[in-house]
C-alpha atoms as a PDB file:
ATOM      1  CA  MET A   1     -15.295  -4.334  27.341  1.00  0.00           C
ATOM      2  CA  ILE A   2     -13.781  -2.006  24.783  1.00  0.00           C
ATOM      3  CA  GLN A   3     -13.063   1.546  25.837  1.00  0.00           C
ATOM      4  CA  CYS A   4     -10.964   4.468  24.619  1.00  0.00           C
ATOM      5  CA  GLU A   5      -7.668   4.716  26.542  1.00  0.00           C
ATOM      6  CA  GLN A   6      -6.103   7.874  25.044  1.00  0.00           C
ATOM      7  CA  VAL A   7      -6.928  10.559  22.515  1.00  0.00           C
ATOM      8  CA  TYR A   8      -4.215  12.320  20.427  1.00  0.00           C
ATOM      9  CA  ASP A   9      -4.999  15.498  18.542  1.00  0.00           C
ATOM     10  CA  VAL A  10      -2.679  15.406  15.524  1.00  0.00           C
ATOM     11  CA  LYS A  11      -4.455  18.454  13.914  1.00  0.00           C
ATOM     12  CA  ASP A  12      -4.545  16.932  10.471  1.00  0.00           C
ATOM     13  CA  HIS A  13      -6.471  14.383   8.292  1.00  0.00           C
ATOM     14  CA  VAL A  14      -5.372  10.854   9.179  1.00  0.00           C
ATOM     15  CA  ASN A  15      -4.993   8.527   6.152  1.00  0.00           C
ATOM     16  CA  ASN A  16      -3.307   5.086   5.874  1.00  0.00           C
ATOM     17  CA  LEU A  17      -2.519   4.799   9.598  1.00  0.00           C
ATOM     18  CA  LEU A  18       0.316   2.477  10.631  1.00  0.00           C
ATOM     19  CA  VAL A  19       1.495   1.814  14.217  1.00  0.00           C
ATOM     20  CA  ALA A  20       4.669   0.325  15.555  1.00  0.00           C
ATOM     21  CA  ASN A  21       6.054   0.393  19.125  1.00  0.00           C
ATOM     22  CA  SER A  22       5.897   4.012  20.358  1.00  0.00           C
ATOM     23  CA  ILE A  23       4.953   5.845  17.137  1.00  0.00           C
ATOM     24  CA  SER A  24       2.200   6.118  14.515  1.00  0.00           C
ATOM     25  CA  CYS A  25       2.721   7.065  10.872  1.00  0.00           C
ATOM     26  CA  PHE A  26       0.058   8.396   8.516  1.00  0.00           C
ATOM     27  CA  ILE A  27      -0.465  10.294   5.344  1.00  0.00           C
ATOM     28  CA  PRO A  28      -1.753  13.847   6.112  1.00  0.00           C
ATOM     29  CA  GLN A  29      -3.993  15.986   3.888  1.00  0.00           C
ATOM     30  CA  GLY A  30      -0.972  17.692   2.268  1.00  0.00           C
ATOM     31  CA  ALA A  31       2.451  16.477   1.312  1.00  0.00           C
ATOM     32  CA  GLY A  32       4.853  14.300   3.334  1.00  0.00           C
ATOM     33  CA  ILE A  33       4.389  11.691   6.008  1.00  0.00           C
ATOM     34  CA  LYS A  34       3.445  12.463   9.628  1.00  0.00           C
ATOM     35  CA  ILE A  35       5.331  10.587  12.420  1.00  0.00           C
ATOM     36  CA  HIS A  36       3.534  10.960  15.749  1.00  0.00           C
ATOM     37  CA  SER A  37       4.975   9.587  19.029  1.00  0.00           C
ATOM     38  CA  TRP A  38       2.743   8.512  21.937  1.00  0.00           C
ATOM     39  CA  SER A  39       4.599  11.150  24.034  1.00  0.00           C
ATOM     40  CA  GLY A  40       2.973  13.818  21.911  1.00  0.00           C
ATOM     41  CA  THR A  41       5.787  14.944  19.610  1.00  0.00           C
ATOM     42  CA  SER A  42       5.442  14.785  15.922  1.00  0.00           C
ATOM     43  CA  LYS A  43       7.493  15.471  12.738  1.00  0.00           C
ATOM     44  CA  LEU A  44       7.016  15.598   9.026  1.00  0.00           C
ATOM     45  CA  LEU A  45       9.091  13.358   6.761  1.00  0.00           C
ATOM     46  CA  ASN A  46       9.668  13.775   3.002  1.00  0.00           C
ATOM     47  CA  PRO A  47       7.624  17.053   2.708  1.00  0.00           C
ATOM     48  CA  SER A  48       8.349  17.377  -1.004  1.00  0.00           C
ATOM     49  CA  LYS A  49       6.256  14.311  -1.918  1.00  0.00           C
ATOM     50  CA  TYR A  50       2.521  13.523  -1.998  1.00  0.00           C
ATOM     51  CA  VAL A  51       2.247   9.984  -0.718  1.00  0.00           C
ATOM     52  CA  LYS A  52      -0.452   7.609  -1.765  1.00  0.00           C
ATOM     53  CA  CYS A  53       0.405   4.446   0.275  1.00  0.00           C
ATOM     54  CA  LEU A  54       2.599   3.274   3.088  1.00  0.00           C
ATOM     55  CA  ALA A  55       4.147   0.137   4.489  1.00  0.00           C
ATOM     56  CA  LEU A  56       6.137  -0.144   7.778  1.00  0.00           C
ATOM     57  CA  VAL A  57       8.562  -2.981   8.478  1.00  0.00           C
ATOM     58  CA  HIS A  58      11.347  -3.185  11.115  1.00  0.00           C
ATOM     59  CA  GLY A  59      11.729   0.621  11.509  1.00  0.00           C
ATOM     60  CA  ARG A  60      11.708   1.283   7.771  1.00  0.00           C
ATOM     61  CA  LEU A  61       8.946   3.216   6.189  1.00  0.00           C
ATOM     62  CA  TYR A  62       8.131   2.543   2.508  1.00  0.00           C
ATOM     63  CA  SER A  63       6.027   5.011   0.583  1.00  0.00           C
ATOM     64  CA  GLY A  64       4.428   4.959  -2.848  1.00  0.00           C
ATOM     65  CA  CYS A  65       3.857   8.359  -4.233  1.00  0.00           C
ATOM     66  CA  HIS A  66       1.522  10.174  -6.641  1.00  0.00           C
ATOM     67  CA  ASP A  67       4.429  10.761  -9.021  1.00  0.00           C
ATOM     68  CA  ASN A  68       5.153   7.009  -9.279  1.00  0.00           C
ATOM     69  CA  CYS A  69       8.196   7.086  -7.075  1.00  0.00           C
ATOM     70  CA  ILE A  70       8.824   4.579  -4.229  1.00  0.00           C
ATOM     71  CA  GLN A  71      11.028   5.547  -1.368  1.00  0.00           C
ATOM     72  CA  GLU A  72      12.392   3.956   1.859  1.00  0.00           C
ATOM     73  CA  ILE A  73      12.910   6.018   4.939  1.00  0.00           C
ATOM     74  CA  ASN A  74      14.815   4.890   8.076  1.00  0.00           C
ATOM     75  CA  ILE A  75      12.661   6.288  10.827  1.00  0.00           C
ATOM     76  CA  ALA A  76      15.549   6.308  13.434  1.00  0.00           C
ATOM     77  CA  THR A  77      18.034   8.269  11.252  1.00  0.00           C
ATOM     78  CA  GLY A  78      15.695   9.903   8.784  1.00  0.00           C
ATOM     79  CA  THR A  79      17.749   8.522   5.838  1.00  0.00           C
ATOM     80  CA  LEU A  80      15.879   8.404   2.646  1.00  0.00           C
ATOM     81  CA  SER A  81      16.594   5.992  -0.209  1.00  0.00           C
ATOM     82  CA  SER A  82      14.979   5.887  -3.629  1.00  0.00           C
ATOM     83  CA  ILE A  83      13.692   2.532  -4.875  1.00  0.00           C
ATOM     84  CA  GLN A  84      11.835   3.797  -8.046  1.00  0.00           C
ATOM     85  CA  SER A  85      12.238   7.261  -9.527  1.00  0.00           C
ATOM     86  CA  GLY A  86       9.241   9.416 -10.118  1.00  0.00           C
ATOM     87  CA  SER A  87       7.790  10.202 -13.539  1.00  0.00           C
ATOM     88  CA  ARG A  88       6.100  13.215 -15.117  1.00  0.00           C
ATOM     89  CA  LYS A  89       2.349  13.366 -15.552  1.00  0.00           C
ATOM     90  CA  LEU A  90       1.229  11.791 -18.820  1.00  0.00           C
ATOM     91  CA  LEU A  91      -1.064  14.197 -20.722  1.00  0.00           C
ATOM     92  CA  GLY A  92      -1.739  15.906 -17.405  1.00  0.00           C
ATOM     93  CA  LYS A  93      -2.709  12.643 -15.642  1.00  0.00           C
ATOM     94  CA  SER A  94      -0.778  11.452 -12.608  1.00  0.00           C
ATOM     95  CA  THR A  95       0.573   7.846 -12.437  1.00  0.00           C
ATOM     96  CA  PRO A  96       0.502   7.034  -8.709  1.00  0.00           C
ATOM     97  CA  VAL A  97       1.631   3.911  -6.877  1.00  0.00           C
ATOM     98  CA  HIS A  98      -1.742   2.766  -5.532  1.00  0.00           C
ATOM     99  CA  ALA A  99      -0.602  -0.179  -3.392  1.00  0.00           C
ATOM    100  CA  LEU A 100       2.572  -1.154  -1.611  1.00  0.00           C
ATOM    101  CA  LYS A 101       3.348  -4.174   0.568  1.00  0.00           C
ATOM    102  CA  VAL A 102       6.511  -5.663   2.101  1.00  0.00           C
ATOM    103  CA  HIS A 103       6.502  -9.504   2.500  1.00  0.00           C
ATOM    104  CA  ASP A 104       9.371 -11.983   3.073  1.00  0.00           C
ATOM    105  CA  GLY A 105      12.136  -9.562   2.182  1.00  0.00           C
ATOM    106  CA  LEU A 106      10.426  -8.359  -0.958  1.00  0.00           C
ATOM    107  CA  ILE A 107       8.586  -5.082  -1.870  1.00  0.00           C
ATOM    108  CA  TYR A 108       5.478  -5.473  -3.973  1.00  0.00           C
ATOM    109  CA  SER A 109       4.115  -2.412  -5.734  1.00  0.00           C
ATOM    110  CA  ALA A 110       1.145  -1.879  -7.973  1.00  0.00           C
ATOM    111  CA  GLY A 111       0.357   1.260  -9.807  1.00  0.00           C
ATOM    112  CA  SER A 112       0.009   3.094 -13.065  1.00  0.00           C
ATOM    113  CA  SER A 113       2.796   4.172 -15.434  1.00  0.00           C
ATOM    114  CA  VAL A 114       3.385   5.399 -18.938  1.00  0.00           C
ATOM    115  CA  GLU A 115       3.492   1.744 -20.037  1.00  0.00           C
ATOM    116  CA  GLY A 116       0.234   0.888 -18.186  1.00  0.00           C
ATOM    117  CA  THR A 117      -0.630  -0.796 -14.856  1.00  0.00           C
ATOM    118  CA  ALA A 118       2.041  -3.155 -13.462  1.00  0.00           C
ATOM    119  CA  LEU A 119       2.892  -5.310 -10.513  1.00  0.00           C
ATOM    120  CA  LYS A 120       6.558  -4.880  -9.628  1.00  0.00           C
ATOM    121  CA  VAL A 121       8.667  -6.832  -7.120  1.00  0.00           C
ATOM    122  CA  TRP A 122      11.774  -5.381  -5.474  1.00  0.00           C
ATOM    123  CA  ASN A 123      14.459  -6.799  -3.255  1.00  0.00           C
ATOM    124  CA  ALA A 124      14.065  -4.967   0.045  1.00  0.00           C
ATOM    125  CA  SER A 125      17.740  -5.319   0.926  1.00  0.00           C
ATOM    126  CA  ASN A 126      19.365  -3.741  -2.210  1.00  0.00           C
ATOM    127  CA  HIS A 127      16.270  -2.261  -3.956  1.00  0.00           C
ATOM    128  CA  THR A 128      16.839  -4.123  -7.218  1.00  0.00           C
ATOM    129  CA  LEU A 129      13.874  -4.911  -9.372  1.00  0.00           C
ATOM    130  CA  THR A 130      13.413  -8.657  -9.407  1.00  0.00           C
ATOM    131  CA  ASP A 131      10.245  -9.017 -11.443  1.00  0.00           C
ATOM    132  CA  SER A 132       7.596  -7.001 -13.238  1.00  0.00           C
ATOM    133  CA  VAL A 133       4.311  -8.083 -14.934  1.00  0.00           C
ATOM    134  CA  SER A 134       1.625  -6.090 -16.732  1.00  0.00           C
ATOM    135  CA  LEU A 135      -1.860  -6.075 -15.253  1.00  0.00           C
ATOM    136  CA  ALA A 136      -5.168  -5.716 -17.094  1.00  0.00           C
ATOM    137  CA  SER A 137      -6.882  -3.764 -14.311  1.00  0.00           C
ATOM    138  CA  GLU A 138      -5.955  -0.723 -12.257  1.00  0.00           C
ATOM    139  CA  VAL A 139      -5.147  -1.876  -8.722  1.00  0.00           C
ATOM    140  CA  HIS A 140      -6.133   0.112  -5.724  1.00  0.00           C
ATOM    141  CA  ALA A 141      -5.560  -2.310  -2.895  1.00  0.00           C
ATOM    142  CA  MET A 142      -3.359  -5.363  -2.251  1.00  0.00           C
ATOM    143  CA  VAL A 143      -2.736  -7.994   0.432  1.00  0.00           C
ATOM    144  CA  ILE A 144      -0.258 -10.869   0.444  1.00  0.00           C
ATOM    145  CA  SER A 145      -0.616 -14.298   2.056  1.00  0.00           C
ATOM    146  CA  SER A 146       1.927 -17.100   2.211  1.00  0.00           C
ATOM    147  CA  ASP A 147       1.155 -18.304  -1.273  1.00  0.00           C
ATOM    148  CA  MET A 148      -1.082 -15.718  -2.994  1.00  0.00           C
ATOM    149  CA  ILE A 149      -1.324 -12.017  -3.917  1.00  0.00           C
ATOM    150  CA  TYR A 150      -4.777 -10.493  -3.831  1.00  0.00           C
ATOM    151  CA  MET A 151      -5.261  -7.303  -5.794  1.00  0.00           C
ATOM    152  CA  GLY A 152      -8.440  -5.210  -5.546  1.00  0.00           C
ATOM    153  CA  CYS A 153      -9.258  -3.407  -8.773  1.00  0.00           C
ATOM    154  CA  LYS A 154     -11.681  -1.054 -10.397  1.00  0.00           C
ATOM    155  CA  GLY A 155     -15.001  -2.567 -11.485  1.00  0.00           C
ATOM    156  CA  GLY A 156     -15.398  -4.806  -8.433  1.00  0.00           C
ATOM    157  CA  ILE A 157     -12.647  -7.281  -9.345  1.00  0.00           C
ATOM    158  CA  ILE A 158     -10.126  -9.157  -7.184  1.00  0.00           C
ATOM    159  CA  GLU A 159      -7.232 -10.617  -9.147  1.00  0.00           C
ATOM    160  CA  VAL A 160      -5.645 -13.668  -7.412  1.00  0.00           C
ATOM    161  CA  TRP A 161      -1.979 -14.274  -8.301  1.00  0.00           C
ATOM    162  CA  CYS A 162       0.341 -17.041  -7.365  1.00  0.00           C
ATOM    163  CA  LYS A 163       3.182 -15.387  -5.366  1.00  0.00           C
ATOM    164  CA  LYS A 164       5.940 -17.811  -6.328  1.00  0.00           C
ATOM    165  CA  LYS A 165       5.240 -17.926 -10.023  1.00  0.00           C
ATOM    166  CA  LEU A 166       3.887 -14.456 -10.296  1.00  0.00           C
ATOM    167  CA  SER A 167       1.070 -15.662 -12.518  1.00  0.00           C
ATOM    168  CA  ARG A 168      -2.673 -15.024 -12.357  1.00  0.00           C
ATOM    169  CA  LYS A 169      -4.675 -17.866 -10.910  1.00  0.00           C
ATOM    170  CA  GLU A 170      -8.190 -16.569 -10.969  1.00  0.00           C
ATOM    171  CA  VAL A 171     -10.400 -13.439 -10.917  1.00  0.00           C
ATOM    172  CA  LEU A 172     -13.155 -12.878  -8.360  1.00  0.00           C
ATOM    173  CA  GLN A 173     -16.115 -10.739  -9.228  1.00  0.00           C
ATOM    174  CA  ILE A 174     -17.468  -9.289  -5.991  1.00  0.00           C
ATOM    175  CA  GLY A 175     -20.914  -8.570  -7.316  1.00  0.00           C
ATOM    176  CA  SER A 176     -20.851  -4.851  -8.105  1.00  0.00           C
ATOM    177  CA  ASN A 177     -18.981  -2.412 -10.350  1.00  0.00           C
ATOM    178  CA  SER A 178     -17.689  -0.369  -7.481  1.00  0.00           C
ATOM    179  CA  LYS A 179     -13.972   0.103  -6.753  1.00  0.00           C
ATOM    180  CA  VAL A 180     -12.240  -2.148  -4.293  1.00  0.00           C
ATOM    181  CA  THR A 181     -10.673   0.293  -1.836  1.00  0.00           C
ATOM    182  CA  CYS A 182      -9.071  -2.001   0.791  1.00  0.00           C
ATOM    183  CA  THR A 183      -8.266  -5.661   1.372  1.00  0.00           C
ATOM    184  CA  ALA A 184      -7.159  -7.704   4.412  1.00  0.00           C
ATOM    185  CA  LEU A 185      -6.544 -11.288   5.478  1.00  0.00           C
ATOM    186  CA  ASP A 186      -7.291 -12.862   8.869  1.00  0.00           C
ATOM    187  CA  THR A 187      -4.402 -14.285  10.958  1.00  0.00           C
ATOM    188  CA  ASN A 188      -4.934 -17.862   9.591  1.00  0.00           C
ATOM    189  CA  GLU A 189      -5.283 -16.617   5.975  1.00  0.00           C
ATOM    190  CA  ASP A 190      -8.646 -18.352   5.737  1.00  0.00           C
ATOM    191  CA  TYR A 191     -10.641 -15.317   4.925  1.00  0.00           C
ATOM    192  CA  LEU A 192     -10.111 -12.421   2.450  1.00  0.00           C
ATOM    193  CA  VAL A 193     -12.031  -9.274   3.621  1.00  0.00           C
ATOM    194  CA  VAL A 194     -12.808  -6.713   0.971  1.00  0.00           C
ATOM    195  CA  GLY A 195     -14.025  -3.162   1.301  1.00  0.00           C
ATOM    196  CA  THR A 196     -15.663  -1.271  -1.644  1.00  0.00           C
ATOM    197  CA  SER A 197     -16.505   2.261  -2.605  1.00  0.00           C
ATOM    198  CA  ASP A 198     -20.200   1.534  -2.412  1.00  0.00           C
ATOM    199  CA  GLY A 199     -20.012   0.989   1.386  1.00  0.00           C
ATOM    200  CA  ARG A 200     -19.869  -2.802   1.467  1.00  0.00           C
ATOM    201  CA  VAL A 201     -17.531  -5.194   3.368  1.00  0.00           C
ATOM    202  CA  GLN A 202     -17.376  -8.721   2.086  1.00  0.00           C
ATOM    203  CA  ALA A 203     -15.579 -11.899   3.578  1.00  0.00           C
ATOM    204  CA  TRP A 204     -14.401 -14.517   1.155  1.00  0.00           C
ATOM    205  CA  GLY A 205     -13.243 -17.965   2.157  1.00  0.00           C
ATOM    206  CA  VAL A 206      -9.912 -18.514   0.504  1.00  0.00           C
ATOM    207  CA  SER A 207      -8.416 -21.439   2.570  1.00  0.00           C
END
């Protein structure tokens, strides 16, 4: 039986919710990142940035922002480090980082830039850029398995890339022209689950 154990009133919109130990992290309606503890206290980190996506690994919070910057925040100390500098709007259009994942000591980011859409890989330890490839489609969601990178794009497309070679393996057409808004893998990495802007959830066998 599933039942609600506790309700927390955080008095804000909750987007991109992440949970670890005794805290939750989420993107609010405005700028910054909200950190909420189960004891009821909360604080706002990085209030000068409008955040688009988050990743939380070993007490370090990674954020991709609307101005194309990527930052790392040590939750315990509040120390902020810059991984990628932000950029100005191009002809009034923002160039956000749409998707951000941390896997096996590497940071994967996908987003728009002046040069176009790109997948970038960073070393999580020293924040050096280790690889970068151009993408044909605008990525809005990403999930990483042991061997593959799955990127959900506009137009109902999933691009499947080999993680080791960082090369495109195939393209999945999910059957509609809607935007892929979220992606997830099951624990055994047998199924890729895809959510789209037209209200559908699909499960693809990828084992």
